[in-house]
Amino acid sequence: MKNKNAYLIANLIIIFMALAVFFGIQTNEYAYFKELAFKQAQNDAEMAAVDINAQITNFSLSQRVAGEMMANDLFLKEWCMEETNDVDSAHHQVLYRYLKNYKEKYDYDVVFFVSDKTWNYYYDGGLNRTVSPASDYDVWYFNFLNLNNDYDIQVDRDEVNDYNVTIFVNCLVKDSEGKTLGVVGSGREIKGFQDFIDDLTGRLGVDICVVNSGNALSSFFDSNGAFMNVADAVEKMGVTKDYIVGEVPEEGKRFTKGSNCYCVKKNDEMKWNIVVKKDTTETIRGFLKKSVQRIAFMIIILIIYVIISFTFLIKLQRMTAISLNTDDVTGLQNNKIFKEDFERYSKSWFKKSKASFFVLDIDNFKSFNDTYGHLYGNTVLRMVADELKNGIGTEGRVARWGGDEFAGVIFRDSGEALKIMNGIQESIMARETKQTVSFSCGIADIQPHDTIKNCFDNADTAVYKAKENGKAQCAVYKKE
């Protein structure tokens, strides 16, 4: 009794020390992981902002180049000098074809020209309408003129294409004396760009919004996908307006608020701010959940340790017994321990579930020993044993019965067992060996009250049938 109490106290001390060390490690690990999670979230937010910034620039670059080409084209300037009010004239048809050629060449959704002389909005399909300072849809034009910039990139609605949200590049057209002749440009629907943002959102687990922070006003006041007005962006990102549209340094702005990490980049071309947020809550919560699971697991392990420590000697004795009944060459059970397992299965499994018994002999095994020696013969035995273990797995048990003979149980009927054994046969015959290795196998269904001798005799009868049929095959026992 004293020895048992001392052993219990010793185990309790071990448990206490193990828990103390474990909790110390978990505390330090949590602090480290939290810092790492914030760094990773900040990096992901910045990566997304940089990618979007580059994508916006690339998305609009070809439009800008094409727009500047048109803005400096002598044809367009000379056309303006001869513009009339007859929008169906041959002179106007030339402009429409000119705009249509650019649209088709660069695959834009719309190419347009607004004349400062008539305020007519022309596009590749003809005259759209006459712009007016009083119209909300035309505010972009007059605001752009007030910016006094050579070009401008805007997100607006394309009124000639069902008011789809579109990225427009507007270029100022001037004559040789610097007088404004109008605005020419092109538009591409943002769907392709929105798909890119959606991919980033899913891949990096971030929230993204793109907000006008100083560009010319347009008719696009609401939100569409990632392109948002200030109010919606403030609500989605959970920060004040100053963070959304405030000044942003060239290298961008990074900050944290609560569990969120933010990165803000300004696109110099559009003069819109790109705001990216990544929430670390789920990441940290996931770690805490795993930490709790590890603690619970640790406690369970320690409890099990105490139980195991008291039963160790019993287990050791059984392991010794198993070791003594394991075949040295193949590592499989020998027939002694296999018979014990069979008796155990016969009291439970065989009475309620289907199972099969198999016996197999390696074909021409004596020739392996005679030709290549007993060491190679042992190699063949180990190879067959390994294929049997891998092929049957948890679906049964296999043992070396003696010599080149193996026996086993498969927890399936004889039809299913035949498929398994045929698969093992194919795998063995496909192995690179000095001469082809195969086996002859007999399979018999196990009846609820069958003894191991009955099963062995039935399967062995089928083995002889397989050998008579030419070996390298399996046969199923049929009761006559």
Protein backbone atom coordinates (compact mmCIF):
# COMPACT_ATOMS: atom_id res chain seq x y z
CA MET A 1 0.00 0.00 0.00
CA LYS A 2 2.82 2.39 0.90
CA ASN A 3 4.49 1.70 -2.41
CA LYS A 4 1.22 2.43 -4.22
CA ASN A 5 0.73 5.72 -2.33
CA ALA A 6 4.31 6.79 -3.02
CA TYR A 7 3.83 5.92 -6.66
CA LEU A 8 0.60 8.02 -6.74
CA ILE A 9 2.29 11.03 -5.08
CA ALA A 10 5.19 10.81 -7.52
CA ASN A 11 2.76 10.80 -10.42
CA LEU A 12 0.84 13.80 -9.01
CA ILE A 13 4.09 15.77 -8.73
CA ILE A 14 4.94 14.88 -12.32
CA ILE A 15 1.46 16.00 -13.43
CA PHE A 16 1.70 19.32 -11.57
CA MET A 17 5.12 20.10 -13.04
CA ALA A 18 4.00 19.11 -16.52
CA LEU A 19 0.90 21.34 -16.27
CA ALA A 20 2.93 24.30 -15.00
CA VAL A 21 5.40 24.01 -17.86
CA PHE A 22 2.61 23.47 -20.37
CA PHE A 23 0.59 26.53 -19.26
CA GLY A 24 3.75 28.65 -19.32
CA ILE A 25 4.46 27.57 -22.87
CA GLN A 26 0.84 28.21 -23.90
CA THR A 27 0.90 31.74 -22.46
CA ASN A 28 4.09 32.65 -24.30
CA GLU A 29 2.85 30.97 -27.44
CA TYR A 30 -0.39 32.98 -27.35
CA ALA A 31 1.47 36.28 -27.06
CA TYR A 32 3.78 35.31 -29.90
CA PHE A 33 0.95 34.05 -32.10
CA LYS A 34 -1.12 37.19 -31.53
CA GLU A 35 1.80 39.37 -32.61
CA LEU A 36 2.40 37.10 -35.60
CA ALA A 37 -1.29 37.21 -36.55
CA PHE A 38 -1.26 41.02 -36.57
CA LYS A 39 1.91 41.11 -38.66
CA GLN A 40 0.47 38.63 -41.15
CA ALA A 41 -2.83 40.50 -41.32
CA GLN A 42 -0.98 43.80 -41.89
CA ASN A 43 1.11 42.21 -44.63
CA ASP A 44 -1.99 40.73 -46.29
CA ALA A 45 -3.78 44.08 -46.18
CA GLU A 46 -0.78 45.88 -47.65
CA MET A 47 -0.30 43.21 -50.32
CA ALA A 48 -3.94 43.52 -51.39
CA ALA A 49 -3.72 47.34 -51.48
CA VAL A 50 -0.54 47.25 -53.57
CA ASP A 51 -2.03 44.69 -55.98
CA ILE A 52 -5.23 46.69 -56.42
CA ASN A 53 -3.29 49.91 -56.92
CA ALA A 54 -1.19 48.30 -59.64
CA GLN A 55 -4.25 46.68 -61.22
CA ILE A 56 -6.11 50.01 -61.39
CA THR A 57 -3.11 51.64 -63.06
CA ASN A 58 -2.75 48.76 -65.53
CA PHE A 59 -6.50 48.61 -66.12
CA SER A 60 -6.67 52.28 -67.12
CA LEU A 61 -3.22 52.65 -68.76
CA SER A 62 -4.26 51.55 -72.25
CA GLN A 63 -7.33 53.80 -72.03
CA ARG A 64 -5.15 56.74 -71.10
CA VAL A 65 -2.72 56.09 -73.95
CA ALA A 66 -5.57 55.74 -76.46
CA GLY A 67 -7.27 58.85 -75.05
CA GLU A 68 -4.12 60.94 -75.33
CA MET A 69 -3.63 59.72 -78.91
CA MET A 70 -7.15 60.88 -79.80
CA ALA A 71 -6.76 64.14 -77.88
CA ASN A 72 -3.65 65.00 -79.93
CA ASP A 73 -5.01 63.71 -83.23
CA LEU A 74 -5.15 66.47 -85.87
CA PHE A 75 -8.21 64.79 -87.36
CA LEU A 76 -10.25 65.36 -84.20
CA LYS A 77 -9.08 68.96 -83.85
CA GLU A 78 -9.86 69.74 -87.48
CA TRP A 79 -13.22 68.00 -87.15
CA CYS A 80 -14.09 70.33 -84.25
CA MET A 81 -13.35 73.37 -86.39
CA GLU A 82 -15.97 72.22 -88.92
CA GLU A 83 -18.60 70.91 -86.51
CA THR A 84 -22.19 71.75 -87.42
CA ASN A 85 -25.56 71.23 -85.78
CA ASP A 86 -26.53 68.56 -88.31
CA VAL A 87 -25.69 65.45 -86.30
CA ASP A 88 -26.67 63.19 -89.22
CA SER A 89 -24.39 64.85 -91.72
CA ALA A 90 -21.57 63.07 -93.50
CA HIS A 91 -19.16 65.13 -91.42
CA HIS A 92 -20.59 63.64 -88.22
CA GLN A 93 -20.66 60.12 -89.66
CA VAL A 94 -16.90 60.36 -90.07
CA LEU A 95 -16.57 61.08 -86.33
CA TYR A 96 -18.82 58.19 -85.41
CA ARG A 97 -16.71 55.79 -87.50
CA TYR A 98 -13.56 57.25 -85.95
CA LEU A 99 -14.85 56.59 -82.42
CA LYS A 100 -16.13 53.13 -83.39
CA ASN A 101 -12.72 52.16 -84.80
CA TYR A 102 -11.07 52.95 -81.45
CA LYS A 103 -13.74 51.03 -79.59
CA GLU A 104 -13.32 47.90 -81.69
CA LYS A 105 -9.53 48.13 -81.84
CA TYR A 106 -9.08 48.26 -78.06
CA ASP A 107 -12.25 46.36 -77.08
CA TYR A 108 -13.68 49.22 -75.00
CA ASP A 109 -17.32 49.37 -73.96
CA VAL A 110 -17.68 52.95 -75.18
CA VAL A 111 -15.56 55.64 -76.88
CA PHE A 112 -16.94 59.19 -76.77
CA PHE A 113 -16.29 62.84 -77.55
CA VAL A 114 -18.03 65.82 -75.93
CA SER A 115 -17.76 69.00 -77.93
CA ASP A 116 -17.23 72.19 -75.94
CA LYS A 117 -18.71 74.11 -78.85
CA THR A 118 -22.13 72.42 -78.89
CA TRP A 119 -21.99 70.37 -75.67
CA ASN A 120 -23.03 67.41 -77.79
CA TYR A 121 -22.08 64.02 -76.37
CA TYR A 122 -21.04 61.83 -79.31
CA TYR A 123 -20.19 58.16 -79.00
CA ASP A 124 -19.38 55.30 -81.35
CA GLY A 125 -23.11 54.82 -82.05
CA GLY A 126 -23.95 58.45 -82.86
CA LEU A 127 -25.24 61.34 -80.78
CA ASN A 128 -26.16 60.43 -77.23
CA ARG A 129 -27.49 63.81 -76.13
CA THR A 130 -26.46 67.35 -75.25
CA VAL A 131 -24.81 67.74 -71.85
CA SER A 132 -26.06 70.36 -69.41
CA PRO A 133 -24.66 71.90 -66.20
CA ALA A 134 -28.07 71.27 -64.65
CA SER A 135 -27.93 67.49 -65.16
CA ASP A 136 -26.50 65.21 -62.48
CA TYR A 137 -25.29 62.85 -65.20
CA ASP A 138 -23.18 65.61 -66.75
CA VAL A 139 -21.50 66.94 -63.60
CA TRP A 140 -18.36 64.93 -64.49
CA TYR A 141 -17.77 66.98 -67.65
CA PHE A 142 -17.94 70.44 -66.10
CA ASN A 143 -16.02 69.37 -62.99
CA PHE A 144 -13.28 67.92 -65.18
CA LEU A 145 -12.95 71.18 -67.07
CA ASN A 146 -12.61 73.01 -63.75
CA LEU A 147 -9.74 70.70 -62.70
CA ASN A 148 -7.66 72.09 -65.58
CA ASN A 149 -5.93 68.67 -65.97
CA ASP A 150 -4.91 67.06 -69.26
CA TYR A 151 -6.63 63.83 -68.29
CA ASP A 152 -8.81 62.37 -65.58
CA ILE A 153 -9.80 58.84 -64.53
CA GLN A 154 -13.25 58.38 -63.04
CA VAL A 155 -15.70 55.72 -61.98
CA ASP A 156 -19.10 56.65 -63.37
CA ARG A 157 -22.21 55.17 -64.93
CA ASP A 158 -22.19 54.54 -68.68
CA GLU A 159 -25.50 55.93 -69.87
CA VAL A 160 -25.16 54.43 -73.36
CA ASN A 161 -24.68 50.91 -71.92
CA ASP A 162 -27.53 50.49 -69.43
CA TYR A 163 -25.79 52.75 -66.88
CA ASN A 164 -23.24 50.08 -66.01
CA VAL A 165 -20.59 51.19 -63.53
CA THR A 166 -17.54 51.91 -65.69
CA ILE A 167 -13.99 53.22 -65.42
CA PHE A 168 -13.68 56.25 -67.71
CA VAL A 169 -10.50 57.97 -68.88
CA ASN A 170 -11.22 61.54 -70.02
CA CYS A 171 -8.66 63.55 -72.02
CA LEU A 172 -8.80 67.26 -72.75
CA VAL A 173 -8.74 68.25 -76.42
CA LYS A 174 -7.18 71.66 -77.13
CA ASP A 175 -6.35 73.56 -80.30
CA SER A 176 -2.91 74.95 -81.09
CA GLU A 177 -3.63 78.09 -79.03
CA GLY A 178 -4.63 76.09 -75.93
CA LYS A 179 -8.36 76.65 -76.31
CA THR A 180 -10.54 73.79 -75.08
CA LEU A 181 -12.31 71.97 -77.90
CA GLY A 182 -13.87 69.24 -75.83
CA VAL A 183 -13.23 65.99 -73.97
CA VAL A 184 -12.49 62.63 -75.59
CA GLY A 185 -12.20 59.32 -73.80
CA SER A 186 -13.20 55.70 -73.34
CA GLY A 187 -14.94 53.51 -70.80
CA ARG A 188 -14.55 49.92 -69.63
CA GLU A 189 -17.05 48.19 -67.35
CA ILE A 190 -15.56 47.43 -63.91
CA LYS A 191 -16.83 43.83 -63.87
CA GLY A 192 -13.42 42.38 -64.81
CA PHE A 193 -11.73 44.54 -62.19
CA GLN A 194 -14.37 43.62 -59.59
CA ASP A 195 -13.68 39.92 -60.28
CA PHE A 196 -10.02 40.59 -59.48
CA ILE A 197 -10.98 42.25 -56.19
CA ASP A 198 -13.36 39.40 -55.31
CA ASP A 199 -10.52 36.92 -55.87
CA LEU A 200 -8.25 38.89 -53.53
CA THR A 201 -11.00 39.10 -50.93
CA GLY A 202 -11.49 35.35 -50.92
CA ARG A 203 -7.82 34.44 -51.16
CA LEU A 204 -6.49 36.81 -48.47
CA GLY A 205 -9.61 37.07 -46.30
CA VAL A 206 -9.74 40.88 -46.48
CA ASP A 207 -12.39 43.59 -46.88
CA ILE A 208 -11.73 46.10 -49.66
CA CYS A 209 -13.22 49.40 -50.72
CA VAL A 210 -12.14 51.98 -53.28
CA VAL A 211 -13.30 55.55 -52.50
CA ASN A 212 -13.12 58.87 -54.34
CA SER A 213 -10.75 61.05 -52.30
CA GLY A 214 -10.29 64.12 -54.48
CA ASN A 215 -11.14 63.36 -58.08
CA ALA A 216 -13.70 65.25 -60.14
CA LEU A 217 -17.26 64.52 -59.06
CA SER A 218 -19.42 62.32 -61.25
CA SER A 219 -22.94 60.89 -61.32
CA PHE A 220 -21.76 57.83 -59.42
CA PHE A 221 -22.80 58.62 -55.84
CA ASP A 222 -23.82 55.19 -54.59
CA SER A 223 -21.79 52.00 -54.14
CA ASN A 224 -21.15 49.08 -56.45
CA GLY A 225 -19.00 46.17 -55.34
CA ALA A 226 -15.74 47.49 -53.96
CA PHE A 227 -16.33 50.99 -55.36
CA MET A 228 -18.12 52.86 -52.58
CA ASN A 229 -19.20 56.26 -51.47
CA VAL A 230 -17.67 57.59 -48.29
CA ALA A 231 -20.63 56.80 -46.02
CA ASP A 232 -20.79 53.14 -47.06
CA ALA A 233 -17.01 52.78 -46.80
CA VAL A 234 -17.02 54.24 -43.27
CA GLU A 235 -19.73 51.77 -42.23
CA LYS A 236 -18.05 48.76 -43.82
CA MET A 237 -14.54 49.50 -42.57
CA GLY A 238 -15.54 50.64 -39.08
CA VAL A 239 -13.35 53.77 -39.07
CA THR A 240 -13.98 57.50 -39.38
CA LYS A 241 -14.12 59.48 -42.61
CA ASP A 242 -10.63 60.87 -42.00
CA TYR A 243 -9.13 57.41 -42.33
CA ILE A 244 -11.05 56.77 -45.55
CA VAL A 245 -10.44 59.97 -47.55
CA GLY A 246 -7.71 61.71 -45.54
CA GLU A 247 -4.24 62.47 -46.83
CA VAL A 248 -2.20 59.38 -47.61
CA PRO A 249 1.62 59.46 -47.83
CA GLU A 250 3.30 58.04 -50.91
CA GLU A 251 4.26 54.82 -49.14
CA GLY A 252 0.68 54.33 -47.88
CA LYS A 253 -0.82 54.36 -44.40
CA ARG A 254 -0.92 51.38 -42.00
CA PHE A 255 -2.74 51.27 -38.69
CA THR A 256 -4.65 48.96 -36.37
CA LYS A 257 -7.94 49.39 -34.55
CA GLY A 258 -9.08 46.72 -32.12
CA SER A 259 -8.55 43.37 -33.82
CA ASN A 260 -8.44 44.91 -37.31
CA CYS A 261 -5.38 45.78 -39.39
CA TYR A 262 -5.71 48.42 -42.11
CA CYS A 263 -3.73 49.62 -45.10
CA VAL A 264 -4.65 52.68 -47.18
CA LYS A 265 -3.07 53.40 -50.56
CA LYS A 266 -3.78 56.33 -52.84
CA ASN A 267 -3.98 55.67 -56.56
CA ASP A 268 -2.34 58.68 -58.14
CA GLU A 269 -4.00 58.08 -61.49
CA MET A 270 -7.60 57.96 -60.22
CA LYS A 271 -7.03 60.00 -57.07
CA TRP A 272 -9.10 57.41 -55.23
CA ASN A 273 -8.11 55.79 -51.94
CA ILE A 274 -7.83 52.02 -51.68
CA VAL A 275 -8.74 50.88 -48.15
CA VAL A 276 -8.08 47.29 -47.09
CA LYS A 277 -9.03 45.75 -43.75
CA LYS A 278 -8.20 42.35 -42.31
CA ASP A 279 -9.77 41.13 -39.09
CA THR A 280 -7.58 38.94 -36.87
CA THR A 281 -10.46 37.89 -34.59
CA GLU A 282 -11.13 34.55 -36.26
CA THR A 283 -7.43 33.76 -36.55
CA ILE A 284 -6.80 34.41 -32.86
CA ARG A 285 -10.05 32.71 -31.88
CA GLY A 286 -8.98 29.68 -33.88
CA PHE A 287 -5.67 29.62 -32.03
CA LEU A 288 -7.41 29.93 -28.65
CA LYS A 289 -9.75 27.10 -29.59
CA LYS A 290 -6.81 24.92 -30.48
CA SER A 291 -5.05 26.00 -27.30
CA VAL A 292 -8.05 24.96 -25.18
CA GLN A 293 -8.16 21.69 -27.07
CA ARG A 294 -4.47 21.15 -26.39
CA ILE A 295 -4.96 21.88 -22.68
CA ALA A 296 -7.88 19.46 -22.49
CA PHE A 297 -5.87 16.93 -24.44
CA MET A 298 -2.92 17.44 -22.09
CA ILE A 299 -5.09 16.84 -19.03
CA ILE A 300 -6.59 13.73 -20.58
CA ILE A 301 -3.14 12.47 -21.48
CA LEU A 302 -1.93 12.98 -17.92
CA ILE A 303 -4.95 11.16 -16.50
CA ILE A 304 -4.36 8.35 -18.95
CA TYR A 305 -0.70 8.39 -17.96
CA VAL A 306 -1.64 7.66 -14.35
CA ILE A 307 -3.94 4.82 -15.37
CA ILE A 308 -1.39 3.39 -17.76
CA SER A 309 1.39 3.60 -15.23
CA PHE A 310 -0.58 1.27 -12.89
CA THR A 311 -1.31 -1.19 -15.68
CA PHE A 312 2.09 -1.00 -17.32
CA LEU A 313 3.36 -4.30 -16.01
CA ILE A 314 0.24 -6.13 -17.20
CA LYS A 315 0.61 -4.55 -20.63
CA LEU A 316 4.29 -5.36 -20.71
CA GLN A 317 3.52 -8.99 -19.99
CA ARG A 318 1.03 -9.10 -22.84
CA MET A 319 3.48 -7.38 -25.19
CA THR A 320 6.05 -9.98 -24.30
CA ALA A 321 3.55 -12.71 -25.04
CA ILE A 322 2.68 -11.13 -28.39
CA SER A 323 6.36 -10.73 -29.23
CA LEU A 324 6.90 -14.41 -28.57
CA ASN A 325 4.03 -15.26 -30.93
CA THR A 326 5.07 -12.97 -33.81
CA ASP A 327 6.81 -14.47 -36.82
CA ASP A 328 10.43 -13.25 -36.96
CA VAL A 329 10.70 -13.29 -40.77
CA THR A 330 7.45 -11.54 -41.79
CA GLY A 331 6.43 -9.66 -38.65
CA LEU A 332 2.96 -11.24 -38.91
CA GLN A 333 1.13 -13.14 -36.21
CA ASN A 334 1.98 -16.79 -36.03
CA ASN A 335 -0.80 -19.37 -36.08
CA LYS A 336 -0.94 -19.61 -32.27
CA ILE A 337 -1.96 -15.99 -31.63
CA PHE A 338 -4.07 -15.97 -34.82
CA LYS A 339 -6.11 -18.90 -33.48
CA GLU A 340 -6.75 -16.98 -30.25
CA ASP A 341 -7.99 -13.95 -32.23
CA PHE A 342 -10.20 -16.22 -34.36
CA GLU A 343 -11.87 -17.61 -31.25
CA ARG A 344 -12.54 -14.09 -30.04
CA TYR A 345 -14.07 -13.07 -33.38
CA SER A 346 -16.20 -16.22 -33.48
CA LYS A 347 -17.97 -15.07 -30.30
CA SER A 348 -18.85 -11.65 -31.67
CA TRP A 349 -18.16 -10.66 -35.28
CA PHE A 350 -18.87 -13.93 -37.12
CA LYS A 351 -22.32 -14.26 -35.55
CA LYS A 352 -23.62 -10.94 -36.87
CA SER A 353 -21.46 -9.99 -39.87
CA LYS A 354 -20.10 -11.61 -42.99
CA ALA A 355 -16.50 -12.77 -43.08
CA SER A 356 -14.23 -15.02 -45.14
CA PHE A 357 -11.28 -17.27 -44.37
CA PHE A 358 -8.40 -17.57 -46.80
CA VAL A 359 -5.36 -19.80 -47.14
CA LEU A 360 -2.59 -19.27 -49.69
CA ASP A 361 0.63 -20.95 -50.77
CA ILE A 362 3.42 -19.14 -52.62
CA ASP A 363 3.75 -20.80 -56.02
CA ASN A 364 7.02 -22.67 -56.63
CA PHE A 365 8.54 -21.28 -53.44
CA LYS A 366 11.06 -24.10 -53.22
CA SER A 367 12.69 -22.89 -56.45
CA PHE A 368 13.43 -19.51 -54.83
CA ASN A 369 15.32 -21.18 -52.00
CA ASP A 370 17.08 -23.66 -54.29
CA THR A 371 18.06 -21.10 -56.94
CA TYR A 372 18.73 -17.93 -54.96
CA GLY A 373 19.24 -19.14 -51.42
CA HIS A 374 17.22 -19.02 -48.21
CA LEU A 375 17.93 -15.34 -47.60
CA TYR A 376 16.22 -14.43 -50.86
CA GLY A 377 13.43 -16.83 -49.98
CA ASN A 378 12.93 -14.89 -46.74
CA THR A 379 12.83 -11.67 -48.79
CA VAL A 380 10.00 -13.14 -50.88
CA LEU A 381 8.11 -14.10 -47.70
CA ARG A 382 8.46 -10.56 -46.33
CA MET A 383 7.30 -9.03 -49.62
CA VAL A 384 4.19 -11.22 -49.73
CA ALA A 385 3.49 -10.47 -46.05
CA ASP A 386 3.79 -6.71 -46.65
CA GLU A 387 1.42 -6.85 -49.65
CA LEU A 388 -1.10 -8.86 -47.62
CA LYS A 389 -0.95 -6.37 -44.73
CA ASN A 390 -1.28 -3.38 -47.05
CA GLY A 391 -3.99 -4.95 -49.21
CA ILE A 392 -6.16 -6.18 -46.36
CA GLY A 393 -5.43 -3.33 -43.93
CA THR A 394 -8.11 -2.96 -41.30
CA GLU A 395 -10.51 -5.15 -43.27
CA GLY A 396 -9.16 -8.32 -41.64
CA ARG A 397 -6.27 -10.21 -40.07
CA VAL A 398 -3.44 -12.19 -41.64
CA ALA A 399 -0.89 -14.63 -40.20
CA ARG A 400 1.98 -16.79 -41.37
CA TRP A 401 0.75 -20.33 -40.92
CA GLY A 402 4.08 -21.99 -41.60
CA GLY A 403 6.66 -22.35 -44.37
CA ASP A 404 5.31 -20.53 -47.46
CA GLU A 405 1.71 -20.80 -46.26
CA PHE A 406 -0.37 -17.83 -45.04
CA ALA A 407 -3.87 -17.70 -43.61
CA GLY A 408 -6.21 -14.92 -42.66
CA VAL A 409 -9.68 -13.51 -42.09
CA ILE A 410 -11.33 -10.78 -44.20
CA PHE A 411 -14.41 -9.06 -42.79
CA ARG A 412 -16.27 -9.38 -46.10
CA ASP A 413 -18.09 -12.14 -47.92
CA SER A 414 -16.15 -14.44 -50.26
CA GLY A 415 -17.03 -12.37 -53.34
CA GLU A 416 -15.56 -9.20 -51.87
CA ALA A 417 -12.63 -11.12 -50.41
CA LEU A 418 -11.89 -12.55 -53.86
CA LYS A 419 -11.59 -9.03 -55.28
CA ILE A 420 -9.22 -8.02 -52.49
CA MET A 421 -7.01 -11.07 -52.91
CA ASN A 422 -6.94 -10.70 -56.70
CA GLY A 423 -5.79 -7.11 -56.23
CA ILE A 424 -3.00 -8.29 -53.91
CA GLN A 425 -2.04 -10.94 -56.46
CA GLU A 426 -1.74 -8.30 -59.20
CA SER A 427 0.33 -6.05 -56.95
CA ILE A 428 2.75 -8.88 -56.06
CA MET A 429 3.17 -10.02 -59.65
CA ALA A 430 3.91 -6.43 -60.71
CA ARG A 431 6.85 -6.19 -58.29
CA GLU A 432 10.36 -6.38 -59.77
CA THR A 433 11.81 -9.72 -58.62
CA LYS A 434 14.34 -12.20 -59.91
CA GLN A 435 11.47 -14.38 -61.04
CA THR A 436 7.73 -13.76 -60.95
CA VAL A 437 6.15 -14.24 -57.53
CA SER A 438 2.54 -15.43 -57.32
CA PHE A 439 0.34 -17.46 -55.03
CA SER A 440 -2.54 -19.92 -55.12
CA CYS A 441 -5.32 -18.92 -52.75
CA GLY A 442 -8.47 -20.54 -51.47
CA ILE A 443 -11.35 -18.55 -49.92
CA ALA A 444 -14.30 -19.82 -47.91
CA ASP A 445 -17.22 -18.02 -46.26
CA ILE A 446 -17.19 -18.30 -42.46
CA GLN A 447 -20.44 -19.63 -41.04
CA PRO A 448 -21.53 -18.53 -37.51
CA HIS A 449 -20.59 -21.81 -35.83
CA ASP A 450 -17.54 -22.76 -37.90
CA THR A 451 -14.39 -23.76 -36.08
CA ILE A 452 -11.04 -22.61 -37.34
CA LYS A 453 -10.37 -26.18 -38.51
CA ASN A 454 -13.55 -26.18 -40.63
CA CYS A 455 -12.61 -22.86 -42.17
CA PHE A 456 -9.03 -23.92 -42.84
CA ASP A 457 -10.07 -27.20 -44.43
CA ASN A 458 -12.63 -25.48 -46.70
CA ALA A 459 -10.17 -22.78 -47.81
CA ASP A 460 -7.42 -25.38 -48.27
CA THR A 461 -9.70 -27.39 -50.54
CA ALA A 462 -10.11 -24.26 -52.69
CA VAL A 463 -6.31 -23.84 -52.74
CA TYR A 464 -5.94 -27.23 -54.42
CA LYS A 465 -8.55 -26.19 -56.95
CA ALA A 466 -6.57 -23.01 -57.73
CA LYS A 467 -3.39 -25.06 -58.18
CA GLU A 468 -5.16 -27.56 -60.46
CA ASN A 469 -6.35 -24.64 -62.59
CA GLY A 470 -2.79 -23.45 -63.21
CA LYS A 471 -1.73 -21.59 -60.02
CA ALA A 472 -1.34 -17.76 -59.70
CA GLN A 473 -5.06 -17.44 -58.98
CA CYS A 474 -7.71 -17.52 -56.28
CA ALA A 475 -10.62 -19.91 -55.94
CA VAL A 476 -13.72 -19.75 -53.77
CA TYR A 477 -14.84 -22.88 -51.87
CA LYS A 478 -18.18 -24.23 -53.02
CA LYS A 479 -19.86 -26.77 -50.77
CA GLU A 480 -20.70 -29.89 -52.75
